[in-house]
Amino acid sequence: MTTNTLPAEVNAAIVKAKADGHQVFSITISGVKYVYRSINRTEFRTLQDQLTTEAEKAKLESDKAKKALPADSPELEALNIRLEKEALAIRDRGEEKLVLQGLLHPAIGPNTPAGVFPSIANRIMASSGFDNENEPEML
């Protein structure tokens, strides 16, 4: 996609992202062109810290609830299931935060296809150096 076919504000966002040291890419998903940028280490660590805090809070709440129950309580399994569901929800929120941080165009809306989030999140991570497909070069 050439930048001259994009709205001026998107071109400006691309120029700024590149000036800030990011790589910028585009991909077409379900017929829509999405423009996204890489994230840097500081952005990644901030996101990681937020998600870790959420996970720790969920675990502490679960542990507290478990302590209030007898060891043979059937509610213990329900608490474990709820904690697993919360872990998945935290992962999904992290994916969304990553996409919202790296996506330059278009804005995410209520009719954005569900697969856009994991697809672009994976691309953002790959463009940010989290790509295991590159073979190391032996020196």
N, C-alpha and C. Protein backbone atom coordinates (compact mmCIF):
# COMPACT_ATOMS: atom_id res chain seq x y z
N MET A 1 0.86 -1.17 0.00
CA MET A 1 0.00 0.00 0.00
C MET A 1 0.91 1.23 0.00
N THR A 2 0.66 2.11 -0.89
CA THR A 2 1.44 3.34 -0.90
C THR A 2 0.78 4.34 0.02
N THR A 3 1.61 5.15 0.64
CA THR A 3 1.07 6.09 1.61
C THR A 3 0.30 7.21 0.95
N ASN A 4 0.51 7.43 -0.35
CA ASN A 4 -0.21 8.53 -1.00
C ASN A 4 -1.69 8.23 -1.21
N THR A 5 -2.13 6.99 -0.96
CA THR A 5 -3.55 6.66 -1.07
C THR A 5 -4.26 6.72 0.28
N LEU A 6 -3.51 7.06 1.31
CA LEU A 6 -4.07 7.11 2.66
C LEU A 6 -4.44 8.55 3.02
N PRO A 7 -5.39 8.70 3.94
CA PRO A 7 -5.74 10.05 4.41
C PRO A 7 -4.51 10.74 5.02
N ALA A 8 -4.51 12.04 4.97
CA ALA A 8 -3.37 12.83 5.44
C ALA A 8 -3.03 12.53 6.90
N GLU A 9 -4.04 12.33 7.76
CA GLU A 9 -3.74 12.06 9.17
C GLU A 9 -3.07 10.70 9.37
N VAL A 10 -3.37 9.74 8.50
CA VAL A 10 -2.71 8.44 8.58
C VAL A 10 -1.27 8.57 8.11
N ASN A 11 -1.06 9.30 7.03
CA ASN A 11 0.30 9.54 6.55
C ASN A 11 1.12 10.24 7.64
N ALA A 12 0.52 11.17 8.33
CA ALA A 12 1.22 11.88 9.41
C ALA A 12 1.57 10.91 10.54
N ALA A 13 0.66 10.00 10.86
CA ALA A 13 0.92 9.01 11.91
C ALA A 13 2.05 8.07 11.49
N ILE A 14 2.10 7.72 10.22
CA ILE A 14 3.17 6.86 9.70
C ILE A 14 4.51 7.57 9.81
N VAL A 15 4.54 8.82 9.38
CA VAL A 15 5.78 9.61 9.45
C VAL A 15 6.26 9.72 10.89
N LYS A 16 5.33 9.99 11.81
CA LYS A 16 5.69 10.11 13.23
C LYS A 16 6.21 8.79 13.78
N ALA A 17 5.52 7.69 13.46
CA ALA A 17 5.95 6.38 13.95
C ALA A 17 7.36 6.06 13.47
N LYS A 18 7.62 6.34 12.20
CA LYS A 18 8.96 6.08 11.66
C LYS A 18 10.00 7.00 12.32
N ALA A 19 9.63 8.25 12.53
CA ALA A 19 10.55 9.19 13.19
C ALA A 19 10.85 8.75 14.62
N ASP A 20 9.90 8.07 15.25
CA ASP A 20 10.09 7.57 16.61
C ASP A 20 10.84 6.24 16.63
N GLY A 21 11.25 5.75 15.46
CA GLY A 21 12.05 4.54 15.38
C GLY A 21 11.29 3.25 15.15
N HIS A 22 10.00 3.34 14.89
CA HIS A 22 9.19 2.14 14.66
C HIS A 22 9.23 1.75 13.19
N GLN A 23 8.98 0.48 12.93
CA GLN A 23 8.76 0.01 11.58
C GLN A 23 7.26 0.03 11.35
N VAL A 24 6.84 0.38 10.13
CA VAL A 24 5.42 0.48 9.82
C VAL A 24 5.09 -0.49 8.69
N PHE A 25 3.97 -1.18 8.83
CA PHE A 25 3.55 -2.20 7.86
C PHE A 25 2.06 -2.05 7.57
N SER A 26 1.62 -2.71 6.51
CA SER A 26 0.18 -2.81 6.24
C SER A 26 -0.14 -4.25 5.90
N ILE A 27 -1.35 -4.63 6.18
CA ILE A 27 -1.84 -5.98 5.88
C ILE A 27 -3.33 -5.87 5.59
N THR A 28 -3.81 -6.68 4.68
CA THR A 28 -5.23 -6.71 4.37
C THR A 28 -5.84 -7.93 5.06
N ILE A 29 -6.86 -7.67 5.86
CA ILE A 29 -7.58 -8.73 6.57
C ILE A 29 -9.06 -8.53 6.27
N SER A 30 -9.69 -9.56 5.78
CA SER A 30 -11.12 -9.51 5.44
C SER A 30 -11.43 -8.31 4.54
N GLY A 31 -10.54 -8.03 3.61
CA GLY A 31 -10.76 -6.96 2.64
C GLY A 31 -10.47 -5.55 3.13
N VAL A 32 -9.99 -5.42 4.35
CA VAL A 32 -9.69 -4.10 4.91
C VAL A 32 -8.19 -3.98 5.11
N LYS A 33 -7.61 -2.85 4.67
CA LYS A 33 -6.17 -2.62 4.87
C LYS A 33 -5.96 -2.01 6.25
N TYR A 34 -5.10 -2.65 7.02
CA TYR A 34 -4.74 -2.18 8.35
C TYR A 34 -3.28 -1.74 8.32
N VAL A 35 -2.98 -0.62 8.95
CA VAL A 35 -1.62 -0.11 9.05
C VAL A 35 -1.24 -0.18 10.52
N TYR A 36 -0.10 -0.81 10.80
CA TYR A 36 0.34 -0.97 12.17
C TYR A 36 1.84 -0.72 12.26
N ARG A 37 2.28 -0.54 13.49
CA ARG A 37 3.70 -0.28 13.74
C ARG A 37 4.23 -1.25 14.78
N SER A 38 5.54 -1.36 14.80
CA SER A 38 6.20 -2.17 15.83
C SER A 38 6.09 -1.44 17.17
N ILE A 39 6.38 -2.17 18.24
CA ILE A 39 6.44 -1.55 19.56
C ILE A 39 7.87 -1.68 20.06
N ASN A 40 8.27 -0.79 20.93
CA ASN A 40 9.62 -0.85 21.47
C ASN A 40 9.62 -1.58 22.81
N ARG A 41 10.80 -1.76 23.35
CA ARG A 41 10.95 -2.52 24.60
C ARG A 41 10.21 -1.87 25.76
N THR A 42 10.28 -0.56 25.85
CA THR A 42 9.59 0.14 26.94
C THR A 42 8.08 -0.08 26.86
N GLU A 43 7.53 0.05 25.67
CA GLU A 43 6.08 -0.16 25.48
C GLU A 43 5.71 -1.60 25.84
N PHE A 44 6.54 -2.54 25.42
CA PHE A 44 6.26 -3.95 25.70
C PHE A 44 6.30 -4.22 27.20
N ARG A 45 7.32 -3.69 27.87
CA ARG A 45 7.43 -3.93 29.32
C ARG A 45 6.29 -3.28 30.08
N THR A 46 5.85 -2.11 29.66
CA THR A 46 4.72 -1.45 30.31
C THR A 46 3.47 -2.31 30.18
N LEU A 47 3.23 -2.80 28.98
CA LEU A 47 2.07 -3.67 28.75
C LEU A 47 2.20 -4.95 29.58
N GLN A 48 3.37 -5.51 29.58
CA GLN A 48 3.62 -6.73 30.36
C GLN A 48 3.38 -6.49 31.85
N ASP A 49 3.84 -5.36 32.37
CA ASP A 49 3.62 -5.03 33.79
C ASP A 49 2.14 -4.89 34.11
N GLN A 50 1.38 -4.26 33.21
CA GLN A 50 -0.06 -4.11 33.43
C GLN A 50 -0.74 -5.47 33.51
N LEU A 51 -0.38 -6.36 32.59
CA LEU A 51 -1.00 -7.68 32.55
C LEU A 51 -0.58 -8.52 33.76
N THR A 52 0.65 -8.39 34.18
CA THR A 52 1.13 -9.11 35.36
C THR A 52 0.38 -8.65 36.60
N THR A 53 0.15 -7.36 36.72
CA THR A 53 -0.60 -6.81 37.85
C THR A 53 -2.02 -7.37 37.86
N GLU A 54 -2.65 -7.42 36.70
CA GLU A 54 -4.01 -7.99 36.62
C GLU A 54 -4.01 -9.46 37.03
N ALA A 55 -3.02 -10.22 36.56
CA ALA A 55 -2.95 -11.65 36.88
C ALA A 55 -2.70 -11.86 38.37
N GLU A 56 -1.82 -11.06 38.94
CA GLU A 56 -1.53 -11.19 40.38
C GLU A 56 -2.78 -10.88 41.20
N LYS A 57 -3.51 -9.87 40.81
CA LYS A 57 -4.73 -9.50 41.54
C LYS A 57 -5.75 -10.64 41.48
N ALA A 58 -5.93 -11.23 40.30
CA ALA A 58 -6.88 -12.33 40.16
C ALA A 58 -6.45 -13.53 41.00
N LYS A 59 -5.16 -13.82 41.01
CA LYS A 59 -4.64 -14.94 41.79
C LYS A 59 -4.81 -14.71 43.29
N LEU A 60 -4.52 -13.50 43.74
CA LEU A 60 -4.69 -13.19 45.17
C LEU A 60 -6.15 -13.31 45.60
N GLU A 61 -7.06 -12.81 44.76
CA GLU A 61 -8.49 -12.92 45.09
C GLU A 61 -8.92 -14.38 45.15
N SER A 62 -8.42 -15.18 44.20
CA SER A 62 -8.75 -16.60 44.19
C SER A 62 -8.19 -17.31 45.42
N ASP A 63 -6.93 -17.01 45.74
CA ASP A 63 -6.32 -17.64 46.92
C ASP A 63 -7.06 -17.27 48.19
N LYS A 64 -7.47 -16.02 48.30
CA LYS A 64 -8.21 -15.57 49.48
C LYS A 64 -9.54 -16.31 49.60
N ALA A 65 -10.23 -16.45 48.46
CA ALA A 65 -11.51 -17.17 48.48
C ALA A 65 -11.31 -18.65 48.82
N LYS A 66 -10.22 -19.24 48.34
CA LYS A 66 -9.95 -20.65 48.63
C LYS A 66 -9.68 -20.89 50.11
N LYS A 67 -9.00 -19.94 50.76
CA LYS A 67 -8.68 -20.09 52.18
C LYS A 67 -9.94 -20.10 53.04
N ALA A 68 -10.99 -19.49 52.54
CA ALA A 68 -12.23 -19.42 53.30
C ALA A 68 -13.07 -20.70 53.15
N LEU A 69 -12.61 -21.61 52.30
CA LEU A 69 -13.37 -22.84 52.04
C LEU A 69 -12.69 -24.06 52.67
N PRO A 70 -13.47 -25.06 53.06
CA PRO A 70 -12.87 -26.30 53.54
C PRO A 70 -12.16 -27.02 52.38
N ALA A 71 -11.17 -27.83 52.68
CA ALA A 71 -10.34 -28.50 51.67
C ALA A 71 -11.14 -29.39 50.72
N ASP A 72 -12.28 -29.91 51.18
CA ASP A 72 -13.07 -30.81 50.33
C ASP A 72 -14.25 -30.10 49.66
N SER A 73 -14.25 -28.81 49.67
CA SER A 73 -15.37 -28.05 49.11
C SER A 73 -15.41 -28.17 47.58
N PRO A 74 -16.61 -28.42 47.03
CA PRO A 74 -16.74 -28.47 45.57
C PRO A 74 -16.55 -27.08 44.93
N GLU A 75 -16.60 -26.04 45.72
CA GLU A 75 -16.41 -24.69 45.20
C GLU A 75 -14.96 -24.43 44.81
N LEU A 76 -14.03 -25.24 45.31
CA LEU A 76 -12.61 -25.06 44.96
C LEU A 76 -12.39 -25.23 43.45
N GLU A 77 -13.04 -26.23 42.90
CA GLU A 77 -12.90 -26.46 41.44
C GLU A 77 -13.50 -25.30 40.66
N ALA A 78 -14.61 -24.78 41.14
CA ALA A 78 -15.23 -23.62 40.47
C ALA A 78 -14.30 -22.41 40.52
N LEU A 79 -13.59 -22.22 41.63
CA LEU A 79 -12.63 -21.13 41.74
C LEU A 79 -11.47 -21.32 40.77
N ASN A 80 -11.01 -22.55 40.63
CA ASN A 80 -9.92 -22.83 39.69
C ASN A 80 -10.35 -22.54 38.25
N ILE A 81 -11.56 -22.92 37.92
CA ILE A 81 -12.09 -22.66 36.58
C ILE A 81 -12.24 -21.16 36.34
N ARG A 82 -12.72 -20.46 37.35
CA ARG A 82 -12.87 -19.01 37.22
C ARG A 82 -11.51 -18.33 37.02
N LEU A 83 -10.49 -18.82 37.74
CA LEU A 83 -9.14 -18.26 37.59
C LEU A 83 -8.60 -18.52 36.19
N GLU A 84 -8.84 -19.71 35.66
CA GLU A 84 -8.40 -20.02 34.29
C GLU A 84 -9.11 -19.11 33.28
N LYS A 85 -10.39 -18.89 33.47
CA LYS A 85 -11.14 -18.00 32.57
C LYS A 85 -10.61 -16.58 32.65
N GLU A 86 -10.27 -16.14 33.86
CA GLU A 86 -9.73 -14.79 34.03
C GLU A 86 -8.37 -14.68 33.36
N ALA A 87 -7.57 -15.73 33.42
CA ALA A 87 -6.27 -15.72 32.74
C ALA A 87 -6.45 -15.55 31.23
N LEU A 88 -7.42 -16.23 30.67
CA LEU A 88 -7.71 -16.09 29.24
C LEU A 88 -8.20 -14.67 28.91
N ALA A 89 -9.03 -14.14 29.78
CA ALA A 89 -9.54 -12.79 29.58
C ALA A 89 -8.41 -11.76 29.65
N ILE A 90 -7.48 -11.96 30.57
CA ILE A 90 -6.32 -11.06 30.69
C ILE A 90 -5.49 -11.13 29.42
N ARG A 91 -5.28 -12.33 28.91
CA ARG A 91 -4.52 -12.48 27.66
C ARG A 91 -5.21 -11.75 26.52
N ASP A 92 -6.54 -11.90 26.43
CA ASP A 92 -7.29 -11.21 25.37
C ASP A 92 -7.22 -9.69 25.52
N ARG A 93 -7.31 -9.20 26.76
CA ARG A 93 -7.20 -7.76 26.98
C ARG A 93 -5.80 -7.27 26.60
N GLY A 94 -4.80 -8.07 26.89
CA GLY A 94 -3.44 -7.72 26.51
C GLY A 94 -3.28 -7.64 25.00
N GLU A 95 -3.87 -8.58 24.32
CA GLU A 95 -3.84 -8.59 22.86
C GLU A 95 -4.51 -7.34 22.30
N GLU A 96 -5.66 -7.00 22.87
CA GLU A 96 -6.37 -5.80 22.44
C GLU A 96 -5.56 -4.54 22.72
N LYS A 97 -4.95 -4.47 23.89
CA LYS A 97 -4.13 -3.29 24.22
C LYS A 97 -2.95 -3.17 23.26
N LEU A 98 -2.35 -4.30 22.93
CA LEU A 98 -1.23 -4.30 21.99
C LEU A 98 -1.67 -3.78 20.63
N VAL A 99 -2.80 -4.26 20.15
CA VAL A 99 -3.30 -3.83 18.84
C VAL A 99 -3.66 -2.34 18.89
N LEU A 100 -4.34 -1.92 19.92
CA LEU A 100 -4.72 -0.51 20.01
C LEU A 100 -3.49 0.40 20.09
N GLN A 101 -2.41 -0.10 20.66
CA GLN A 101 -1.18 0.68 20.75
C GLN A 101 -0.46 0.74 19.41
N GLY A 102 -0.44 -0.36 18.69
CA GLY A 102 0.33 -0.41 17.44
C GLY A 102 -0.45 -0.10 16.18
N LEU A 103 -1.77 -0.15 16.25
CA LEU A 103 -2.58 0.07 15.05
C LEU A 103 -2.66 1.56 14.72
N LEU A 104 -2.31 1.90 13.50
CA LEU A 104 -2.36 3.29 13.06
C LEU A 104 -3.63 3.59 12.27
N HIS A 105 -4.15 2.58 11.57
CA HIS A 105 -5.33 2.80 10.71
C HIS A 105 -5.92 1.46 10.33
N PRO A 106 -7.20 1.30 10.26
CA PRO A 106 -8.27 2.20 10.66
C PRO A 106 -8.57 2.02 12.13
N ALA A 107 -9.47 2.83 12.63
CA ALA A 107 -9.89 2.69 14.02
C ALA A 107 -10.68 1.40 14.18
N ILE A 108 -10.55 0.79 15.34
CA ILE A 108 -11.31 -0.42 15.65
C ILE A 108 -12.74 -0.01 15.99
N GLY A 109 -13.69 -0.73 15.43
CA GLY A 109 -15.09 -0.42 15.68
C GLY A 109 -15.85 -1.68 16.07
N PRO A 110 -17.14 -1.54 16.33
CA PRO A 110 -17.94 -2.70 16.75
C PRO A 110 -18.06 -3.78 15.68
N ASN A 111 -17.86 -3.43 14.42
CA ASN A 111 -17.96 -4.42 13.34
C ASN A 111 -16.61 -4.92 12.86
N THR A 112 -15.54 -4.60 13.60
CA THR A 112 -14.23 -5.13 13.25
C THR A 112 -14.27 -6.64 13.40
N PRO A 113 -13.84 -7.38 12.37
CA PRO A 113 -13.85 -8.84 12.46
C PRO A 113 -13.03 -9.33 13.66
N ALA A 114 -13.50 -10.37 14.30
CA ALA A 114 -12.87 -10.88 15.52
C ALA A 114 -11.42 -11.30 15.29
N GLY A 115 -11.10 -11.80 14.11
CA GLY A 115 -9.76 -12.28 13.84
C GLY A 115 -8.72 -11.19 13.66
N VAL A 116 -9.17 -9.94 13.57
CA VAL A 116 -8.24 -8.83 13.39
C VAL A 116 -7.30 -8.72 14.59
N PHE A 117 -7.83 -8.86 15.79
CA PHE A 117 -7.00 -8.68 16.99
C PHE A 117 -5.85 -9.69 17.05
N PRO A 118 -6.12 -11.00 16.99
CA PRO A 118 -4.98 -11.92 17.06
C PRO A 118 -4.05 -11.81 15.85
N SER A 119 -4.61 -11.57 14.67
CA SER A 119 -3.78 -11.46 13.47
C SER A 119 -2.82 -10.29 13.56
N ILE A 120 -3.33 -9.12 13.91
CA ILE A 120 -2.48 -7.94 13.98
C ILE A 120 -1.56 -8.02 15.20
N ALA A 121 -2.04 -8.55 16.30
CA ALA A 121 -1.18 -8.69 17.48
C ALA A 121 0.04 -9.55 17.14
N ASN A 122 -0.18 -10.65 16.43
CA ASN A 122 0.94 -11.50 16.04
C ASN A 122 1.90 -10.76 15.10
N ARG A 123 1.36 -9.96 14.20
CA ARG A 123 2.20 -9.19 13.27
C ARG A 123 3.00 -8.12 14.01
N ILE A 124 2.35 -7.46 14.96
CA ILE A 124 3.06 -6.43 15.74
C ILE A 124 4.21 -7.08 16.50
N MET A 125 3.95 -8.22 17.11
CA MET A 125 5.02 -8.90 17.86
C MET A 125 6.16 -9.31 16.92
N ALA A 126 5.83 -9.85 15.75
CA ALA A 126 6.86 -10.26 14.80
C ALA A 126 7.67 -9.05 14.33
N SER A 127 6.99 -7.94 14.06
CA SER A 127 7.71 -6.75 13.59
C SER A 127 8.53 -6.11 14.70
N SER A 128 8.27 -6.51 15.94
CA SER A 128 8.98 -5.97 17.09
C SER A 128 10.11 -6.89 17.56
N GLY A 129 10.42 -7.87 16.74
CA GLY A 129 11.55 -8.74 17.05
C GLY A 129 11.19 -10.06 17.69
N PHE A 130 9.92 -10.35 17.88
CA PHE A 130 9.50 -11.61 18.48
C PHE A 130 9.16 -12.60 17.36
N ASP A 131 10.15 -12.87 16.52
CA ASP A 131 9.94 -13.74 15.36
C ASP A 131 10.92 -14.90 15.46
N ASN A 132 10.39 -16.09 15.69
CA ASN A 132 11.25 -17.27 15.85
C ASN A 132 11.59 -17.93 14.52
N GLU A 133 11.12 -17.38 13.41
CA GLU A 133 11.34 -18.02 12.13
C GLU A 133 12.71 -17.67 11.53
N ASN A 134 13.41 -16.71 12.08
CA ASN A 134 14.71 -16.34 11.56
C ASN A 134 15.79 -17.27 12.10
N GLU A 135 16.58 -17.78 11.19
CA GLU A 135 17.69 -18.66 11.57
C GLU A 135 18.87 -17.79 11.98
N PRO A 136 19.55 -18.16 13.05
CA PRO A 136 20.74 -17.41 13.41
C PRO A 136 21.84 -17.67 12.39
N GLU A 137 22.71 -16.73 12.23
CA GLU A 137 23.82 -16.88 11.30
C GLU A 137 25.06 -17.29 12.10
N MET A 138 25.64 -18.41 11.69
CA MET A 138 26.83 -18.89 12.37
C MET A 138 28.01 -18.04 11.93
N LEU A 139 28.80 -17.58 12.87
CA LEU A 139 29.97 -16.77 12.55
C LEU A 139 31.25 -17.58 12.64
